Amino acid sequence: MPLLSPSPTPVPPAPPKAVGWLTVLRLPYCGRSLSGTLVGRLPLGMAPVALLLAVEAEDGSLAYGAALAAAFGLAVAAGQPLLGRFVDRAGQTVPLVVGAVISALALASIAVVGTGEPHLALTAALLAGLAAPPLEAALRSLWVQLVPTPSHLRAAYALDSGSQELVYVAGPLLATCITAWAGPTVALAATAALGLTGALTVAAGAPSRAWRPRPDSRGGLLGALRPPTLRLLLLALAAVGASLGALHVAALATADRYDASWLAGAMPAALSIGALIGSAIYTLRPWHACLGAQLILTGAGFTLTWLPLCLDPPPLIGLALVLLPGLFFGPLLTAAYLAIGAVARPGMVTESYSWLVSAFGVGTAAGTALAGPWGGSWIVPAVTAAIALGLLHLVRHRLTHRT
């Protein structure tokens, strides 16, 4: 009787390999889509500063300039989900192109007419913000089609979260430099031109033109906000945004205390650099922790690294310490992108990512307003980060229960 041959030992699946940013950028259309998105989003960082400088050049009050800048920012937060829903219904081409043209014309009208007529300038600033194309959300909807594997997608989201910080570092600096060189009119015109150029670059690309909405993209009045997990995650991200908004006030207060005006801009820039570094580190090796655990670990790191700043260290030490929350902010944002992709309703992915932009915008404004009465204390970003961590615990529970 022949012996039975032993059954072959099952070979375990190979663990996922880490994918680097260069690998993602070498894929077709990835570099173009990312660079076009970054250029098209520069007005989000340029316009508030350009509006402030335009009012100052016409001898207007600081309060008036701040009102124009705030109107633009709040209008962006309000308009992104609406335009995101439009993308989910009609595809990317029309919302991106029409929104970019309207936003550019509104900013250009302020450049031509000036800020001397408050009602006209305020209307134009609101229109420019409301029509700002949802490039950030549109790109995150495209990544799934542009990359071949989940490892590539994770790296693409990390690259996305890290590079977007450049918008809020390069944008204000660019607006300031153009104003100093050629005046605020040219700065506003350049802001409009860059936004339009970037949006058209993305919209003209084959992936954006080929992107098609899902036929079941209807969700009633709440739309993409119907999943409770998504609502909790957006609240957590709003609290994270509040920490970033409070950072600007705390940096300004620290600069005043130590008579070091350079700190007011250097500290937010340091956090952005930290986020870029943290996002790069995040992609060096795959994480085997579940998505909920990744949110908790990165959220805990983001919270704890604010605590040393509460001791009010001297300028150079404080500048170095601000890098630390940034190191965790980039990976936290990447994990949040993955979580939104996991819980978003079918056919509502763009709107879901658009709500993230709005949550950050509202949270940042709230954090800035909250930090003022507290005298720019570092306790405010620490507390708001702790609130975000508590909300992320609830998100983790729902993600675990869902799986």
Protein backbone atom coordinates (compact mmCIF):
# COMPACT_ATOMS: atom_id res chain seq x y z
CA MET A 1 0.00 0.00 0.00
CA PRO A 2 1.62 3.25 -1.05
CA LEU A 3 2.36 5.79 1.58
CA LEU A 4 0.30 8.89 1.49
CA SER A 5 2.37 11.89 0.52
CA PRO A 6 2.36 14.56 3.19
CA SER A 7 0.26 17.58 2.43
CA PRO A 8 2.35 20.59 1.53
CA THR A 9 2.97 23.07 4.31
CA PRO A 10 0.94 26.20 3.61
CA VAL A 11 3.11 29.17 2.77
CA PRO A 12 2.09 32.26 4.74
CA PRO A 13 1.42 35.33 2.65
CA ALA A 14 4.33 37.70 2.36
CA PRO A 15 3.99 40.73 4.61
CA PRO A 16 3.24 43.96 2.80
CA LYS A 17 6.31 45.90 1.79
CA ALA A 18 6.79 49.57 2.47
CA VAL A 19 6.46 51.80 -0.57
CA GLY A 20 8.43 55.02 -0.79
CA TRP A 21 7.31 58.37 -2.08
CA LEU A 22 9.54 58.20 -5.16
CA THR A 23 7.85 54.95 -6.14
CA VAL A 24 4.47 56.69 -5.99
CA LEU A 25 5.68 59.74 -7.90
CA ARG A 26 7.06 57.53 -10.70
CA LEU A 27 3.61 56.08 -11.37
CA PRO A 28 1.75 57.58 -14.35
CA TYR A 29 -0.07 60.84 -13.58
CA CYS A 30 0.77 60.81 -9.85
CA GLY A 31 3.38 63.58 -9.97
CA ARG A 32 1.24 65.75 -12.21
CA SER A 33 -1.88 65.28 -10.12
CA LEU A 34 -0.09 66.06 -6.86
CA SER A 35 1.83 69.08 -8.17
CA GLY A 36 -1.27 70.51 -9.86
CA THR A 37 -3.23 70.11 -6.65
CA LEU A 38 -0.54 71.85 -4.59
CA VAL A 39 -0.30 74.77 -7.02
CA GLY A 40 -4.09 75.02 -7.25
CA ARG A 41 -4.36 75.12 -3.45
CA LEU A 42 -1.73 77.84 -2.98
CA PRO A 43 -4.50 80.51 -2.83
CA LEU A 44 -5.66 78.95 0.46
CA GLY A 45 -2.36 80.04 1.99
CA MET A 46 -1.80 83.16 -0.13
CA ALA A 47 -5.21 84.85 -0.22
CA PRO A 48 -5.61 85.67 3.50
CA VAL A 49 -2.15 87.28 3.64
CA ALA A 50 -2.62 89.04 0.29
CA LEU A 51 -5.96 90.46 1.45
CA LEU A 52 -4.43 91.73 4.70
CA LEU A 53 -1.56 93.37 2.83
CA ALA A 54 -3.92 94.90 0.25
CA VAL A 55 -5.99 96.54 2.98
CA GLU A 56 -2.84 97.77 4.71
CA ALA A 57 -1.55 99.28 1.46
CA GLU A 58 -4.78 101.28 1.14
CA ASP A 59 -4.50 102.49 4.75
CA GLY A 60 -7.39 100.35 5.90
CA SER A 61 -7.73 99.06 9.44
CA LEU A 62 -6.27 95.78 10.64
CA ALA A 63 -9.75 94.71 11.74
CA TYR A 64 -11.07 95.22 8.19
CA GLY A 65 -8.20 93.22 6.69
CA ALA A 66 -8.71 90.43 9.22
CA ALA A 67 -12.44 90.38 8.40
CA LEU A 68 -11.72 89.90 4.70
CA ALA A 69 -9.21 87.13 5.42
CA ALA A 70 -11.60 85.42 7.84
CA ALA A 71 -14.48 85.68 5.36
CA PHE A 72 -12.39 83.95 2.72
CA GLY A 73 -11.35 81.17 5.11
CA LEU A 74 -14.85 80.51 6.42
CA ALA A 75 -16.27 80.56 2.89
CA VAL A 76 -13.74 77.89 1.87
CA ALA A 77 -14.85 75.74 4.81
CA ALA A 78 -18.51 76.16 3.79
CA GLY A 79 -17.99 75.64 0.08
CA GLN A 80 -15.80 72.53 0.02
CA PRO A 81 -18.50 69.99 1.04
CA LEU A 82 -20.99 71.52 -1.39
CA LEU A 83 -18.56 71.34 -4.28
CA GLY A 84 -17.46 67.89 -3.12
CA ARG A 85 -21.06 66.70 -3.37
CA PHE A 86 -21.25 68.29 -6.83
CA VAL A 87 -18.16 66.27 -7.86
CA ASP A 88 -19.76 63.05 -6.58
CA ARG A 89 -22.81 63.77 -8.75
CA ALA A 90 -21.30 65.28 -11.92
CA GLY A 91 -17.67 64.14 -12.07
CA GLN A 92 -14.57 66.25 -11.50
CA THR A 93 -14.19 68.33 -14.64
CA VAL A 94 -17.07 70.82 -14.37
CA PRO A 95 -16.84 71.54 -10.61
CA LEU A 96 -13.06 71.98 -10.69
CA VAL A 97 -12.96 74.19 -13.79
CA VAL A 98 -16.02 76.32 -13.04
CA GLY A 99 -15.06 76.72 -9.38
CA ALA A 100 -11.50 77.71 -10.28
CA VAL A 101 -12.65 80.28 -12.86
CA ILE A 102 -15.16 81.91 -10.50
CA SER A 103 -12.69 81.98 -7.60
CA ALA A 104 -9.93 83.44 -9.78
CA LEU A 105 -12.23 86.13 -11.19
CA ALA A 106 -13.36 87.10 -7.68
CA LEU A 107 -9.78 87.52 -6.47
CA ALA A 108 -8.82 89.34 -9.66
CA SER A 109 -11.72 91.76 -9.15
CA ILE A 110 -10.30 92.75 -5.75
CA ALA A 111 -6.92 93.26 -7.41
CA VAL A 112 -8.47 95.58 -10.02
CA VAL A 113 -11.02 97.47 -7.90
CA GLY A 114 -9.13 97.44 -4.59
CA THR A 115 -10.49 97.15 -1.08
CA GLY A 116 -11.84 100.68 -0.79
CA GLU A 117 -15.45 99.50 -1.10
CA PRO A 118 -15.91 97.11 1.86
CA HIS A 119 -19.17 95.57 0.62
CA LEU A 120 -17.73 94.75 -2.80
CA ALA A 121 -14.47 93.43 -1.38
CA LEU A 122 -16.27 91.30 1.21
CA THR A 123 -18.61 89.85 -1.42
CA ALA A 124 -15.68 89.04 -3.69
CA ALA A 125 -13.72 87.40 -0.83
CA LEU A 126 -16.74 85.27 0.10
CA LEU A 127 -17.29 84.26 -3.53
CA ALA A 128 -13.60 83.40 -3.99
CA GLY A 129 -13.71 81.14 -0.94
CA LEU A 130 -17.03 79.48 -1.71
CA ALA A 131 -15.99 78.65 -5.27
CA ALA A 132 -12.46 77.43 -4.40
CA PRO A 133 -12.32 74.05 -6.18
CA PRO A 134 -12.16 70.96 -3.93
CA LEU A 135 -8.77 69.89 -5.25
CA GLU A 136 -7.66 68.26 -2.02
CA ALA A 137 -10.71 66.01 -1.83
CA ALA A 138 -10.64 65.33 -5.57
CA LEU A 139 -7.03 64.12 -5.38
CA ARG A 140 -7.86 61.72 -2.53
CA SER A 141 -10.66 60.29 -4.62
CA LEU A 142 -8.18 59.80 -7.47
CA TRP A 143 -5.43 58.08 -5.47
CA VAL A 144 -7.38 54.82 -5.38
CA GLN A 145 -7.33 54.74 -9.18
CA LEU A 146 -3.76 56.03 -9.60
CA VAL A 147 -1.96 53.47 -7.39
CA PRO A 148 -1.98 49.66 -7.70
CA THR A 149 -1.87 48.33 -4.12
CA PRO A 150 -2.93 49.27 -0.56
CA SER A 151 0.76 49.82 0.29
CA HIS A 152 1.02 52.34 -2.55
CA LEU A 153 -2.19 54.00 -1.36
CA ARG A 154 -0.83 54.35 2.18
CA ALA A 155 2.35 55.94 0.81
CA ALA A 156 0.33 58.23 -1.45
CA TYR A 157 -1.79 59.45 1.46
CA ALA A 158 1.35 60.04 3.54
CA LEU A 159 2.89 62.00 0.67
CA ASP A 160 -0.36 63.94 0.36
CA SER A 161 -0.59 64.78 4.07
CA GLY A 162 3.06 65.80 4.29
CA SER A 163 3.23 67.91 1.14
CA GLN A 164 0.01 69.81 1.82
CA GLU A 165 1.84 71.58 4.66
CA LEU A 166 3.86 73.33 1.96
CA VAL A 167 0.71 75.21 0.97
CA TYR A 168 0.55 76.95 4.34
CA VAL A 169 4.30 77.59 4.49
CA ALA A 170 4.98 78.62 0.90
CA GLY A 171 1.64 80.40 0.36
CA PRO A 172 2.00 83.19 2.95
CA LEU A 173 5.71 83.58 2.14
CA LEU A 174 4.97 83.85 -1.57
CA ALA A 175 2.22 86.43 -1.03
CA THR A 176 4.51 88.51 1.18
CA CYS A 177 7.42 88.38 -1.26
CA ILE A 178 5.30 89.31 -4.30
CA THR A 179 3.73 92.19 -2.37
CA ALA A 180 7.15 93.49 -1.34
CA TRP A 181 8.44 93.19 -4.89
CA ALA A 182 5.47 94.35 -6.99
CA GLY A 183 2.67 95.42 -4.65
CA PRO A 184 -0.56 93.85 -3.35
CA THR A 185 -2.39 94.13 -6.68
CA VAL A 186 0.12 91.83 -8.35
CA ALA A 187 0.03 89.51 -5.33
CA LEU A 188 -3.74 89.10 -5.61
CA ALA A 189 -3.52 88.62 -9.37
CA ALA A 190 -0.79 86.01 -8.92
CA THR A 191 -2.92 84.25 -6.31
CA ALA A 192 -5.80 84.05 -8.78
CA ALA A 193 -3.53 82.88 -11.63
CA LEU A 194 -1.86 80.14 -9.60
CA GLY A 195 -5.18 78.77 -8.37
CA LEU A 196 -6.59 78.66 -11.88
CA THR A 197 -3.43 77.10 -13.35
CA GLY A 198 -3.27 74.33 -10.78
CA ALA A 199 -6.96 73.45 -11.07
CA LEU A 200 -6.82 73.32 -14.87
CA THR A 201 -3.71 71.12 -14.68
CA VAL A 202 -5.58 68.58 -12.58
CA ALA A 203 -8.85 68.82 -14.50
CA ALA A 204 -7.10 68.38 -17.86
CA GLY A 205 -5.36 65.20 -16.73
CA ALA A 206 -6.69 61.88 -18.03
CA PRO A 207 -7.44 60.43 -14.55
CA SER A 208 -9.58 63.41 -13.54
CA ARG A 209 -11.42 63.46 -16.87
CA ALA A 210 -12.02 59.71 -16.67
CA TRP A 211 -13.25 59.77 -13.07
CA ARG A 212 -16.94 58.92 -12.93
CA PRO A 213 -19.37 59.28 -10.02
CA ARG A 214 -21.16 56.31 -8.54
CA PRO A 215 -24.86 56.12 -9.48
CA ASP A 216 -25.92 55.65 -5.83
CA SER A 217 -24.47 58.94 -4.58
CA ARG A 218 -27.63 60.10 -2.82
CA GLY A 219 -27.80 60.48 0.91
CA GLY A 220 -30.53 62.95 1.66
CA LEU A 221 -29.83 66.18 3.48
CA LEU A 222 -26.95 64.79 5.54
CA GLY A 223 -25.30 63.27 2.50
CA ALA A 224 -21.83 61.99 3.35
CA LEU A 225 -22.32 62.82 7.04
CA ARG A 226 -24.81 60.00 7.65
CA PRO A 227 -22.23 57.50 9.03
CA PRO A 228 -21.81 58.25 12.79
CA THR A 229 -18.17 57.10 12.65
CA LEU A 230 -17.40 59.75 10.05
CA ARG A 231 -19.03 62.46 12.15
CA LEU A 232 -16.97 61.46 15.19
CA LEU A 233 -13.79 61.40 13.13
CA LEU A 234 -14.51 64.88 11.76
CA LEU A 235 -15.05 66.20 15.30
CA ALA A 236 -11.71 64.72 16.31
CA LEU A 237 -10.01 66.34 13.32
CA ALA A 238 -11.66 69.68 14.14
CA ALA A 239 -10.07 69.41 17.62
CA VAL A 240 -6.72 68.67 15.96
CA GLY A 241 -7.24 71.76 13.81
CA ALA A 242 -7.96 73.77 16.94
CA SER A 243 -4.51 72.83 18.24
CA LEU A 244 -2.96 74.16 15.05
CA GLY A 245 -4.98 77.37 15.23
CA ALA A 246 -3.95 77.89 18.86
CA LEU A 247 -0.33 77.32 17.84
CA HIS A 248 -0.30 80.54 15.79
CA VAL A 249 -1.46 82.59 18.76
CA ALA A 250 0.87 80.82 21.17
CA ALA A 251 3.81 81.39 18.82
CA LEU A 252 2.97 85.10 18.59
CA ALA A 253 2.67 85.37 22.39
CA THR A 254 6.00 83.56 22.83
CA ALA A 255 7.62 85.91 20.33
CA ASP A 256 6.38 88.88 22.36
CA ARG A 257 7.55 87.42 25.69
CA TYR A 258 11.07 86.80 24.44
CA ASP A 259 11.24 89.81 22.10
CA ALA A 260 11.92 87.43 19.18
CA SER A 261 9.52 88.39 16.40
CA TRP A 262 10.90 85.68 14.10
CA LEU A 263 9.30 83.02 16.28
CA ALA A 264 5.77 84.00 15.16
CA GLY A 265 6.41 82.55 11.71
CA ALA A 266 9.16 80.08 12.54
CA MET A 267 7.14 77.97 14.99
CA PRO A 268 4.24 77.16 12.62
CA ALA A 269 6.79 76.49 9.88
CA ALA A 270 8.66 74.11 12.22
CA LEU A 271 5.47 72.14 12.85
CA SER A 272 4.89 71.89 9.10
CA ILE A 273 8.44 70.65 8.57
CA GLY A 274 7.90 68.12 11.35
CA ALA A 275 4.73 66.91 9.62
CA LEU A 276 6.62 66.42 6.37
CA ILE A 277 9.34 64.44 8.17
CA GLY A 278 6.82 62.41 10.15
CA SER A 279 4.89 61.50 7.01
CA ALA A 280 8.12 60.35 5.36
CA ILE A 281 9.06 58.22 8.40
CA TYR A 282 5.55 56.72 8.41
CA THR A 283 6.16 55.25 4.96
CA LEU A 284 9.53 53.66 5.75
CA ARG A 285 7.95 50.43 7.01
CA PRO A 286 4.44 48.99 7.00
CA TRP A 287 2.32 49.24 10.14
CA HIS A 288 0.71 45.98 11.20
CA ALA A 289 -1.55 47.70 13.74
CA CYS A 290 -5.18 48.07 12.77
CA LEU A 291 -6.41 51.43 11.55
CA GLY A 292 -8.07 52.31 14.87
CA ALA A 293 -4.84 51.60 16.75
CA GLN A 294 -2.90 53.79 14.32
CA LEU A 295 -5.27 56.66 15.03
CA ILE A 296 -4.82 56.22 18.79
CA LEU A 297 -1.02 55.89 18.68
CA THR A 298 -0.49 58.91 16.46
CA GLY A 299 -3.13 60.91 18.36
CA ALA A 300 -1.47 60.09 21.68
CA GLY A 301 1.91 61.18 20.35
CA PHE A 302 0.39 64.40 19.00
CA THR A 303 -1.14 65.12 22.43
CA LEU A 304 1.85 64.28 24.63
CA THR A 305 4.35 66.27 22.58
CA TRP A 306 2.52 69.53 23.36
CA LEU A 307 3.17 69.13 27.08
CA PRO A 308 6.86 70.22 27.14
CA LEU A 309 5.84 73.47 25.44
CA CYS A 310 3.56 74.25 28.39
CA LEU A 311 6.74 74.89 30.41
CA ASP A 312 7.37 77.93 28.17
CA PRO A 313 10.92 76.99 27.08
CA PRO A 314 13.32 79.60 25.65
CA PRO A 315 13.07 80.36 21.91
CA LEU A 316 15.50 77.87 20.36
CA ILE A 317 14.38 74.99 22.57
CA GLY A 318 10.73 75.88 21.96
CA LEU A 319 11.35 75.94 18.21
CA ALA A 320 12.86 72.46 18.38
CA LEU A 321 10.00 71.16 20.55
CA VAL A 322 7.36 72.37 18.07
CA LEU A 323 8.77 69.88 15.57
CA LEU A 324 7.54 67.01 17.76
CA PRO A 325 3.76 67.48 17.40
CA GLY A 326 4.38 67.80 13.66
CA LEU A 327 6.13 64.41 13.58
CA PHE A 328 2.87 62.83 14.76
CA PHE A 329 0.51 65.16 12.91
CA GLY A 330 1.53 63.88 9.47
CA PRO A 331 0.97 60.18 10.28
CA LEU A 332 -2.25 61.04 12.17
CA LEU A 333 -3.60 62.78 9.10
CA THR A 334 -2.58 59.85 6.89
CA ALA A 335 -4.40 57.40 9.15
CA ALA A 336 -7.43 59.71 9.09
CA TYR A 337 -7.45 59.66 5.27
CA LEU A 338 -7.45 55.86 5.32
CA ALA A 339 -10.23 55.83 7.92
CA ILE A 340 -12.40 58.19 5.88
CA GLY A 341 -11.90 56.00 2.84
CA ALA A 342 -13.01 53.00 4.92
CA VAL A 343 -16.21 54.52 6.33
CA ALA A 344 -17.31 56.82 3.50
CA ARG A 345 -20.60 55.87 1.89
CA PRO A 346 -20.42 54.57 -1.69
CA GLY A 347 -20.49 57.40 -4.18
CA MET A 348 -19.74 60.05 -1.53
CA VAL A 349 -15.99 59.80 -1.14
CA THR A 350 -15.18 63.27 -2.47
CA GLU A 351 -17.76 64.94 -0.25
CA SER A 352 -16.45 62.96 2.74
CA TYR A 353 -12.91 64.22 2.16
CA SER A 354 -14.27 67.73 1.59
CA TRP A 355 -15.81 67.65 5.06
CA LEU A 356 -12.33 66.96 6.43
CA VAL A 357 -11.12 70.23 4.89
CA SER A 358 -14.07 72.04 6.46
CA ALA A 359 -13.52 70.42 9.86
CA PHE A 360 -9.92 71.58 9.88
CA GLY A 361 -10.89 75.08 8.78
CA VAL A 362 -13.55 75.50 11.44
CA GLY A 363 -11.32 73.90 14.08
CA THR A 364 -8.39 76.15 13.23
CA ALA A 365 -10.56 79.26 13.46
CA ALA A 366 -12.01 78.08 16.79
CA GLY A 367 -8.56 77.33 18.19
CA THR A 368 -7.30 80.76 17.19
CA ALA A 369 -10.30 82.45 18.83
CA LEU A 370 -10.00 80.31 21.98
CA ALA A 371 -6.28 80.93 22.42
CA GLY A 372 -6.71 84.71 22.45
CA PRO A 373 -8.44 85.06 25.86
CA TRP A 374 -5.89 82.63 27.32
CA GLY A 375 -3.05 84.93 26.35
CA GLY A 376 -1.57 82.50 23.84
CA SER A 377 -0.92 79.84 26.47
CA TRP A 378 0.50 76.53 25.23
CA ILE A 379 -2.09 74.82 27.42
CA VAL A 380 -4.76 75.48 24.77
CA PRO A 381 -3.23 73.33 21.97
CA ALA A 382 -2.43 70.64 24.56
CA VAL A 383 -6.02 70.53 25.83
CA THR A 384 -7.60 70.55 22.35
CA ALA A 385 -5.25 67.74 21.29
CA ALA A 386 -6.36 65.75 24.37
CA ILE A 387 -9.98 66.28 23.35
CA ALA A 388 -9.12 64.97 19.90
CA LEU A 389 -7.52 61.90 21.47
CA GLY A 390 -10.67 61.17 23.47
CA LEU A 391 -12.77 61.38 20.32
CA LEU A 392 -10.33 59.14 18.47
CA HIS A 393 -10.89 56.48 21.16
CA LEU A 394 -14.58 56.53 20.25
CA VAL A 395 -13.69 56.31 16.56
CA ARG A 396 -11.44 53.33 17.24
CA HIS A 397 -14.23 51.53 19.08
CA ARG A 398 -16.61 52.05 16.16
CA LEU A 399 -14.00 50.97 13.59
CA THR A 400 -13.27 47.80 15.60
CA HIS A 401 -16.97 47.04 16.04
CA ARG A 402 -17.52 47.67 12.35
CA THR A 403 -14.88 45.14 11.35
